[in-house]
Amino acid sequence: MFEPSRIKNFVFVQKIIKSELMYLQKISLANFKSYEYESYVFSERVNCVVGENGIGKTNLLDAIYFLALTKSSISNQDALSINHEAEYMMIEGSFEIGESGENITPITNNQSLITISIQRGQKKAVLRDKKAYERISEHIGKFPVVMLSPNDTDVIRDGSEERRKFFDGVMAQLDSEYLENLLQYNRLLLQRNSLLKQFSERNYVDDLLLDIYSDPLVEVAVKIHQAREQFVTQFLPLFKKHYATLSDAREEVEMIYESEVGAENFTQIFRKNRPRDLAAQRTTMGIHKDDFAFEINGFTLRKFGSQGQQKSFVIALKLAQFEMLSQQKGFPPILLLDDIFDKLDDRRIQQLITMMVDGTFSQVFITDARPERTRQLLDNLGVEVKYFEIVK
């Protein structure tokens, strides 16, 4: 167990939990991936999903993620979440947000029923208390969630797109205006790229027509860039604090936001870049080319960081996300821990368990293929633990 000084950074979260709490009370699934028809009622503290590998444990966590963010944590295509023998899928869950007392039991509750359904060949439907949102994006951030999974180190090893995707996901739950700007940028980018391709195929250029897409694209790009800069300024101290705790402050880590959009004369540079865009048949400058450089002791983390350092880096990113969401929402997000006991060493596992006990985390979902190990780790937590065994 960690000494009190090792966990003092998380005291503020305990105070938040004692004033307000959010948790998923129950979920019902119909034709979602490996599930035909299932319903579960959850503990507001710790929920352990156990069973053999390949049985559907991760799919249950993915359903919770889908319910909160209207998309899968695994696949970019909604249709892949429909059971292969079915024509539709549905997820329905009941969230509760309310004031809480010292025992972290809600005193006053505000229940919301969220329903997400997909019919093959049709658009996704998202309802709150049986009423559809005007825009699905309005749902994002209402029921925040943070997920730790074995593939998280891809954000370090893969290209810039993976890092942008991670930080866009973090910011989307924090700032609805940022999400709307990002969606608008992606629409404009798609339209501008389509136009550039048409010009190349037809061997002519209509500069005025191209300006109709270029000018608003640049305008939104500048807004997104400013939001990302501000976010990094707030996020970086939290991230560094959590990494120092995980590593006993043995290394110095850095996260650097890299973007061409920050140039004072970006609008002029973007215009001068038009011949290059026409030759490439796509937009070659903009916030869709941004990156976040990860460093350890002044060196590139991807090349020079050990596996342990990379894991600590990713966990620190997720803990900083958790803390930032807790601060801005007024309650902790739901935490999803997918198959982490096999991937983390005893020390990092112990820290996460300590945070479950001390009140840092509120509702937690854990998957594990070894029930006996889970019970050994969690049975003496001193908080409510509920087990769900998934069988064929």
Protein backbone atom coordinates (compact mmCIF):
# COMPACT_ATOMS: atom_id res chain seq x y z
CA MET A 1 0.00 0.00 0.00
CA PHE A 2 1.11 3.56 -0.62
CA GLU A 3 1.94 5.94 2.19
CA PRO A 4 -0.54 8.83 2.73
CA SER A 5 1.91 11.27 1.14
CA ARG A 6 1.82 9.26 -2.07
CA ILE A 7 -1.92 9.78 -2.56
CA LYS A 8 -2.38 13.30 -1.25
CA ASN A 9 -2.76 14.61 -4.83
CA PHE A 10 -6.13 12.92 -5.09
CA VAL A 11 -7.79 14.38 -1.99
CA PHE A 12 -9.69 16.97 -4.04
CA VAL A 13 -11.52 14.19 -5.87
CA GLN A 14 -12.79 12.75 -2.59
CA LYS A 15 -14.38 16.12 -1.84
CA ILE A 16 -16.08 16.18 -5.23
CA ILE A 17 -17.42 12.64 -4.77
CA LYS A 18 -18.92 13.59 -1.41
CA SER A 19 -20.92 16.41 -3.04
CA GLU A 20 -22.07 14.78 -6.27
CA LEU A 21 -21.97 11.35 -7.84
CA MET A 22 -22.71 9.82 -11.23
CA TYR A 23 -23.03 6.11 -11.90
CA LEU A 24 -24.59 3.64 -14.32
CA GLN A 25 -27.32 1.78 -12.45
CA LYS A 26 -28.27 -0.79 -15.10
CA ILE A 27 -27.85 -1.68 -18.76
CA SER A 28 -29.82 -3.78 -21.23
CA LEU A 29 -28.38 -5.14 -24.47
CA ALA A 30 -30.11 -6.47 -27.57
CA ASN A 31 -27.99 -7.93 -30.39
CA PHE A 32 -24.93 -5.96 -29.32
CA LYS A 33 -21.88 -7.82 -30.60
CA SER A 34 -21.72 -11.21 -28.80
CA TYR A 35 -24.81 -10.47 -26.69
CA GLU A 36 -28.31 -11.38 -27.83
CA TYR A 37 -30.49 -10.24 -24.92
CA GLU A 38 -28.92 -9.46 -21.54
CA SER A 39 -29.52 -7.07 -18.64
CA TYR A 40 -27.24 -6.17 -15.72
CA VAL A 41 -27.74 -4.16 -12.54
CA PHE A 42 -24.48 -2.64 -11.31
CA SER A 43 -22.87 -1.59 -8.07
CA GLU A 44 -22.21 2.12 -7.79
CA ARG A 45 -18.64 1.33 -6.74
CA VAL A 46 -16.69 -1.64 -8.16
CA ASN A 47 -17.97 -4.08 -10.80
CA CYS A 48 -15.87 -7.05 -11.93
CA VAL A 49 -16.67 -8.83 -15.19
CA VAL A 50 -14.98 -12.23 -15.22
CA GLY A 51 -14.89 -15.16 -17.61
CA GLU A 52 -12.73 -16.90 -20.19
CA ASN A 53 -10.96 -14.98 -22.91
CA GLY A 54 -13.08 -14.33 -25.99
CA ILE A 55 -16.33 -14.72 -24.09
CA GLY A 56 -17.51 -11.08 -24.34
CA LYS A 57 -16.13 -9.29 -21.26
CA THR A 58 -14.66 -6.45 -23.29
CA ASN A 59 -17.90 -6.18 -25.26
CA LEU A 60 -19.79 -5.34 -22.06
CA LEU A 61 -17.34 -2.53 -21.28
CA ASP A 62 -17.62 -1.40 -24.89
CA ALA A 63 -21.41 -1.21 -24.49
CA ILE A 64 -20.94 1.13 -21.50
CA TYR A 65 -18.47 3.21 -23.51
CA PHE A 66 -20.94 3.28 -26.43
CA LEU A 67 -23.74 4.41 -24.11
CA ALA A 68 -21.63 7.34 -22.88
CA LEU A 69 -19.98 8.40 -26.14
CA THR A 70 -22.38 7.04 -28.82
CA LYS A 71 -19.61 5.01 -30.44
CA SER A 72 -17.52 1.91 -29.90
CA SER A 73 -14.09 2.10 -28.28
CA ILE A 74 -12.93 -0.62 -30.68
CA SER A 75 -14.43 -0.05 -34.13
CA ASN A 76 -15.03 3.08 -36.21
CA GLN A 77 -18.00 1.48 -37.97
CA ASP A 78 -21.26 1.39 -36.01
CA ALA A 79 -22.58 -1.55 -38.05
CA LEU A 80 -19.84 -3.78 -36.63
CA SER A 81 -21.51 -3.48 -33.22
CA ILE A 82 -24.58 -5.35 -34.48
CA ASN A 83 -24.62 -9.09 -33.80
CA HIS A 84 -23.76 -10.69 -37.16
CA GLU A 85 -27.01 -12.67 -37.18
CA ALA A 86 -29.25 -9.66 -36.43
CA GLU A 87 -30.60 -6.65 -38.31
CA TYR A 88 -30.40 -4.18 -35.43
CA MET A 89 -28.82 -3.59 -32.06
CA MET A 90 -29.92 -1.62 -29.00
CA ILE A 91 -28.24 -0.50 -25.79
CA GLU A 92 -30.29 1.04 -23.00
CA GLY A 93 -28.90 2.26 -19.71
CA SER A 94 -30.01 4.20 -16.67
CA PHE A 95 -27.58 6.79 -15.28
CA GLU A 96 -28.00 8.47 -11.93
CA ILE A 97 -26.49 11.81 -10.95
CA GLY A 98 -27.14 13.15 -7.48
CA GLU A 99 -25.77 14.57 -4.27
CA SER A 100 -23.95 12.09 -2.08
CA GLY A 101 -23.03 11.79 1.56
CA GLU A 102 -20.03 10.45 3.42
CA ASN A 103 -20.87 6.85 2.47
CA ILE A 104 -21.01 7.82 -1.23
CA THR A 105 -24.67 6.79 -1.45
CA PRO A 106 -26.80 9.29 -3.40
CA ILE A 107 -29.13 11.44 -1.32
CA THR A 108 -31.00 13.02 -4.22
CA ASN A 109 -31.03 11.38 -7.62
CA ASN A 110 -31.55 12.62 -11.15
CA GLN A 111 -32.07 9.56 -13.33
CA SER A 112 -31.59 9.58 -17.11
CA LEU A 113 -32.54 6.74 -19.44
CA ILE A 114 -30.28 6.60 -22.50
CA THR A 115 -31.22 4.49 -25.51
CA ILE A 116 -28.99 3.91 -28.53
CA SER A 117 -30.18 1.83 -31.47
CA ILE A 118 -28.81 1.03 -34.92
CA GLN A 119 -30.73 -0.59 -37.77
CA ARG A 120 -28.65 -1.92 -40.65
CA GLY A 121 -28.59 0.62 -43.45
CA GLN A 122 -30.07 3.39 -41.29
CA LYS A 123 -28.76 6.20 -39.13
CA LYS A 124 -27.97 5.70 -35.47
CA ALA A 125 -30.64 6.88 -33.01
CA VAL A 126 -29.73 8.32 -29.59
CA LEU A 127 -32.49 9.13 -27.11
CA ARG A 128 -32.49 10.60 -23.61
CA ASP A 129 -35.62 9.77 -21.65
CA LYS A 130 -37.28 8.63 -24.88
CA LYS A 131 -36.58 11.95 -26.65
CA ALA A 132 -34.10 12.14 -29.53
CA TYR A 133 -31.32 14.69 -29.43
CA GLU A 134 -31.41 17.34 -32.14
CA ARG A 135 -27.76 16.51 -32.71
CA ILE A 136 -26.11 13.36 -31.37
CA SER A 137 -23.05 15.44 -30.45
CA GLU A 138 -25.15 17.07 -27.69
CA HIS A 139 -24.91 13.81 -25.74
CA ILE A 140 -21.11 13.76 -25.59
CA GLY A 141 -19.80 14.75 -22.16
CA LYS A 142 -23.10 14.34 -20.33
CA PHE A 143 -22.00 11.01 -18.84
CA PRO A 144 -18.19 11.10 -18.95
CA VAL A 145 -16.12 7.94 -19.10
CA VAL A 146 -12.39 7.10 -19.05
CA MET A 147 -11.11 3.77 -20.35
CA LEU A 148 -7.82 1.97 -19.75
CA SER A 149 -7.17 -0.95 -22.12
CA PRO A 150 -4.22 -3.09 -23.30
CA ASN A 151 -3.96 -1.24 -26.61
CA ASP A 152 -3.58 2.22 -25.07
CA THR A 153 0.16 2.34 -25.79
CA ASP A 154 -0.80 2.61 -29.48
CA VAL A 155 -1.13 6.33 -28.78
CA ILE A 156 2.65 6.34 -28.29
CA ARG A 157 3.74 3.86 -30.96
CA ASP A 158 1.38 4.79 -33.80
CA GLY A 159 1.23 7.91 -35.95
CA SER A 160 -0.07 11.40 -35.22
CA GLU A 161 -3.66 10.45 -36.11
CA GLU A 162 -3.86 8.20 -33.04
CA ARG A 163 -2.66 10.99 -30.75
CA ARG A 164 -5.08 13.53 -32.24
CA LYS A 165 -7.88 11.01 -31.82
CA PHE A 166 -7.02 10.55 -28.14
CA PHE A 167 -6.85 14.25 -27.30
CA ASP A 168 -9.90 15.09 -29.42
CA GLY A 169 -11.77 12.44 -27.42
CA VAL A 170 -10.64 13.97 -24.14
CA MET A 171 -11.54 17.50 -25.21
CA ALA A 172 -14.89 16.50 -26.71
CA GLN A 173 -16.11 15.34 -23.29
CA LEU A 174 -14.89 18.58 -21.71
CA ASP A 175 -16.04 21.18 -24.24
CA SER A 176 -19.12 20.91 -26.48
CA GLU A 177 -18.04 23.96 -28.50
CA TYR A 178 -14.74 22.26 -29.32
CA LEU A 179 -16.59 19.18 -30.52
CA GLU A 180 -18.87 21.25 -32.77
CA ASN A 181 -15.88 23.08 -34.24
CA LEU A 182 -14.10 19.78 -34.85
CA LEU A 183 -17.13 18.29 -36.60
CA GLN A 184 -17.48 21.42 -38.73
CA TYR A 185 -13.78 21.33 -39.63
CA ASN A 186 -13.99 17.69 -40.70
CA ARG A 187 -17.03 18.41 -42.89
CA LEU A 188 -15.31 21.36 -44.56
CA LEU A 189 -12.11 19.36 -45.01
CA LEU A 190 -14.01 16.54 -46.72
CA GLN A 191 -15.77 18.99 -49.05
CA ARG A 192 -12.57 20.87 -49.89
CA ASN A 193 -10.68 17.64 -50.60
CA SER A 194 -13.50 16.47 -52.86
CA LEU A 195 -13.33 19.75 -54.76
CA LEU A 196 -9.53 19.53 -55.14
CA LYS A 197 -9.91 16.06 -56.60
CA GLN A 198 -12.56 17.26 -59.05
CA PHE A 199 -10.31 20.11 -60.20
CA SER A 200 -7.48 17.66 -60.85
CA GLU A 201 -9.71 15.25 -62.78
CA ARG A 202 -11.24 18.01 -64.92
CA ASN A 203 -8.00 19.96 -65.31
CA TYR A 204 -9.36 23.34 -64.24
CA VAL A 205 -9.44 25.44 -61.06
CA ASP A 206 -12.18 27.75 -59.78
CA ASP A 207 -10.42 29.82 -57.11
CA LEU A 208 -13.59 31.59 -55.97
CA LEU A 209 -15.36 28.29 -55.43
CA LEU A 210 -12.38 26.92 -53.54
CA ASP A 211 -12.39 30.02 -51.31
CA ILE A 212 -15.93 29.19 -50.20
CA TYR A 213 -14.48 26.17 -48.39
CA SER A 214 -10.96 27.44 -47.68
CA ASP A 215 -11.85 30.59 -45.75
CA PRO A 216 -14.18 28.96 -43.17
CA LEU A 217 -11.79 26.00 -42.91
CA VAL A 218 -8.97 28.32 -41.85
CA GLU A 219 -11.25 30.20 -39.46
CA VAL A 220 -12.34 27.02 -37.67
CA ALA A 221 -8.76 25.67 -37.72
CA VAL A 222 -7.56 28.71 -35.78
CA LYS A 223 -10.30 28.21 -33.16
CA ILE A 224 -9.39 24.54 -32.73
CA HIS A 225 -5.70 25.38 -32.49
CA GLN A 226 -6.34 27.94 -29.77
CA ALA A 227 -8.49 25.44 -27.85
CA ARG A 228 -5.80 22.76 -28.09
CA GLU A 229 -3.13 25.16 -26.87
CA GLN A 230 -5.26 26.17 -23.90
CA PHE A 231 -6.08 22.55 -23.14
CA VAL A 232 -2.43 21.47 -23.12
CA THR A 233 -1.59 24.33 -20.74
CA GLN A 234 -4.16 22.99 -18.27
CA PHE A 235 -3.58 19.30 -18.89
CA LEU A 236 0.23 19.18 -18.76
CA PRO A 237 0.69 19.92 -15.01
CA LEU A 238 -1.87 17.24 -14.11
CA PHE A 239 -0.21 14.72 -16.39
CA LYS A 240 3.29 15.45 -15.04
CA LYS A 241 2.04 15.14 -11.46
CA HIS A 242 0.54 11.70 -12.09
CA TYR A 243 3.61 10.49 -13.97
CA ALA A 244 5.86 11.61 -11.11
CA THR A 245 3.69 9.63 -8.67
CA LEU A 246 3.79 6.51 -10.85
CA SER A 247 7.54 6.67 -11.43
CA ASP A 248 8.75 8.00 -8.06
CA ALA A 249 9.82 11.12 -10.00
CA ARG A 250 12.71 9.21 -11.56
CA GLU A 251 12.30 10.76 -15.01
CA GLU A 252 11.25 14.04 -16.58
CA VAL A 253 8.44 13.78 -19.12
CA GLU A 254 7.17 16.31 -21.62
CA MET A 255 4.26 16.65 -24.02
CA ILE A 256 4.66 19.20 -26.82
CA TYR A 257 1.82 20.36 -29.05
CA GLU A 258 3.06 20.74 -32.62
CA SER A 259 1.02 22.68 -35.19
CA GLU A 260 1.54 24.79 -38.32
CA VAL A 261 -1.67 26.65 -37.55
CA GLY A 262 0.03 28.58 -34.76
CA ALA A 263 2.01 30.72 -37.22
CA GLU A 264 0.98 34.41 -37.12
CA ASN A 265 0.53 34.50 -40.89
CA PHE A 266 -1.10 31.07 -41.21
CA THR A 267 -3.89 32.38 -43.45
CA GLN A 268 -1.36 33.68 -45.99
CA ILE A 269 0.73 30.50 -45.76
CA PHE A 270 -2.40 28.40 -46.34
CA ARG A 271 -3.28 30.40 -49.47
CA LYS A 272 0.25 30.12 -50.88
CA ASN A 273 0.09 26.37 -50.31
CA ARG A 274 -2.82 26.00 -52.78
CA PRO A 275 -0.69 24.73 -55.71
CA ARG A 276 0.64 21.97 -53.47
CA ASP A 277 -2.91 21.06 -52.43
CA LEU A 278 -4.02 20.91 -56.05
CA ALA A 279 -1.10 18.66 -56.96
CA ALA A 280 -1.78 16.38 -53.99
CA GLN A 281 -5.58 16.49 -54.52
CA ARG A 282 -6.05 17.05 -50.79
CA THR A 283 -5.54 19.68 -48.09
CA THR A 284 -1.93 19.37 -46.94
CA MET A 285 -2.01 21.94 -44.09
CA GLY A 286 -4.29 22.37 -41.13
CA ILE A 287 -5.11 21.07 -37.67
CA HIS A 288 -5.64 17.59 -39.15
CA LYS A 289 -1.83 17.50 -39.42
CA ASP A 290 -1.18 18.46 -35.78
CA ASP A 291 0.78 16.18 -33.49
CA PHE A 292 1.62 15.81 -29.81
CA ALA A 293 5.25 14.89 -29.20
CA PHE A 294 5.89 12.66 -26.16
CA GLU A 295 9.33 12.87 -24.56
CA ILE A 296 11.15 11.31 -21.63
CA ASN A 297 14.35 12.90 -20.29
CA GLY A 298 14.54 14.94 -23.49
CA PHE A 299 14.30 11.93 -25.85
CA THR A 300 11.45 10.58 -27.96
CA LEU A 301 9.38 8.25 -25.81
CA ARG A 302 8.48 5.96 -28.71
CA LYS A 303 12.14 5.22 -29.49
CA PHE A 304 13.84 5.46 -26.12
CA GLY A 305 11.15 4.71 -23.52
CA SER A 306 10.98 1.25 -21.97
CA GLN A 307 7.71 -0.70 -21.91
CA GLY A 308 7.28 0.22 -18.26
CA GLN A 309 7.86 3.90 -18.96
CA GLN A 310 5.40 3.83 -21.85
CA LYS A 311 2.76 2.16 -19.68
CA SER A 312 3.30 4.72 -16.91
CA PHE A 313 3.06 7.51 -19.51
CA VAL A 314 -0.29 6.22 -20.79
CA ILE A 315 -1.72 5.67 -17.30
CA ALA A 316 -0.67 9.21 -16.36
CA LEU A 317 -2.47 10.52 -19.48
CA LYS A 318 -5.65 8.69 -18.45
CA LEU A 319 -5.41 9.78 -14.80
CA ALA A 320 -4.95 13.39 -15.91
CA GLN A 321 -8.02 13.00 -18.14
CA PHE A 322 -9.92 11.57 -15.16
CA GLU A 323 -8.89 14.44 -12.90
CA MET A 324 -9.70 17.12 -15.48
CA LEU A 325 -13.16 15.65 -16.11
CA SER A 326 -13.78 15.43 -12.35
CA GLN A 327 -12.85 19.08 -11.89
CA GLN A 328 -14.97 20.41 -14.73
CA LYS A 329 -18.02 18.15 -14.40
CA GLY A 330 -18.28 18.27 -10.62
CA PHE A 331 -18.28 14.47 -10.31
CA PRO A 332 -15.87 11.69 -11.30
CA PRO A 333 -16.34 9.92 -14.63
CA ILE A 334 -17.00 6.20 -14.87
CA LEU A 335 -13.72 4.27 -15.08
CA LEU A 336 -13.41 1.23 -17.37
CA LEU A 337 -10.39 -1.03 -16.78
CA ASP A 338 -10.20 -3.67 -19.51
CA ASP A 339 -7.90 -6.63 -18.88
CA ILE A 340 -5.30 -4.51 -17.10
CA PHE A 341 -4.20 -7.01 -14.42
CA ASP A 342 -2.37 -9.05 -17.08
CA LYS A 343 -0.65 -5.98 -18.52
CA LEU A 344 0.46 -4.00 -15.46
CA ASP A 345 3.00 -4.83 -12.80
CA ASP A 346 2.01 -5.27 -9.14
CA ARG A 347 3.03 -1.74 -8.23
CA ARG A 348 0.80 -0.04 -10.78
CA ILE A 349 -2.08 -2.38 -9.98
CA GLN A 350 -1.70 -1.58 -6.29
CA GLN A 351 -1.88 2.13 -6.98
CA LEU A 352 -5.13 1.77 -8.94
CA ILE A 353 -6.60 -0.35 -6.14
CA THR A 354 -5.52 2.25 -3.59
CA MET A 355 -7.36 4.89 -5.59
CA MET A 356 -10.51 2.74 -5.55
CA VAL A 357 -10.32 2.61 -1.76
CA ASP A 358 -9.44 6.22 -1.00
CA GLY A 359 -12.38 7.64 -2.98
CA THR A 360 -10.47 8.93 -6.00
CA PHE A 361 -12.54 6.70 -8.25
CA SER A 362 -16.29 6.41 -7.98
CA GLN A 363 -17.82 3.70 -10.20
CA VAL A 364 -15.30 1.26 -11.69
CA PHE A 365 -15.70 -1.61 -14.15
CA ILE A 366 -12.95 -4.24 -14.39
CA THR A 367 -12.57 -7.24 -16.71
CA ASP A 368 -10.37 -10.21 -15.88
CA ALA A 369 -10.02 -13.76 -17.21
CA ARG A 370 -8.83 -15.02 -13.83
CA PRO A 371 -11.61 -14.65 -11.23
CA GLU A 372 -9.49 -16.02 -8.38
CA ARG A 373 -6.88 -13.30 -8.91
CA THR A 374 -9.54 -10.58 -9.02
CA ARG A 375 -11.10 -11.77 -5.77
CA GLN A 376 -7.69 -11.93 -4.09
CA LEU A 377 -6.99 -8.34 -5.12
CA LEU A 378 -10.41 -6.85 -4.41
CA ASP A 379 -12.20 -8.82 -1.70
CA ASN A 380 -10.60 -6.81 1.11
CA LEU A 381 -11.13 -3.38 -0.45
CA GLY A 382 -13.64 -2.27 2.13
CA VAL A 383 -16.02 -1.03 -0.58
CA GLU A 384 -18.83 -2.80 -2.41
CA VAL A 385 -17.62 -5.17 -5.13
CA LYS A 386 -20.08 -6.92 -7.45
CA TYR A 387 -19.07 -9.80 -9.73
CA PHE A 388 -20.54 -10.72 -13.12
CA GLU A 389 -19.49 -14.03 -14.68
CA ILE A 390 -19.85 -14.15 -18.46
CA VAL A 391 -20.38 -17.68 -19.80
CA LYS A 392 -20.94 -19.16 -23.24
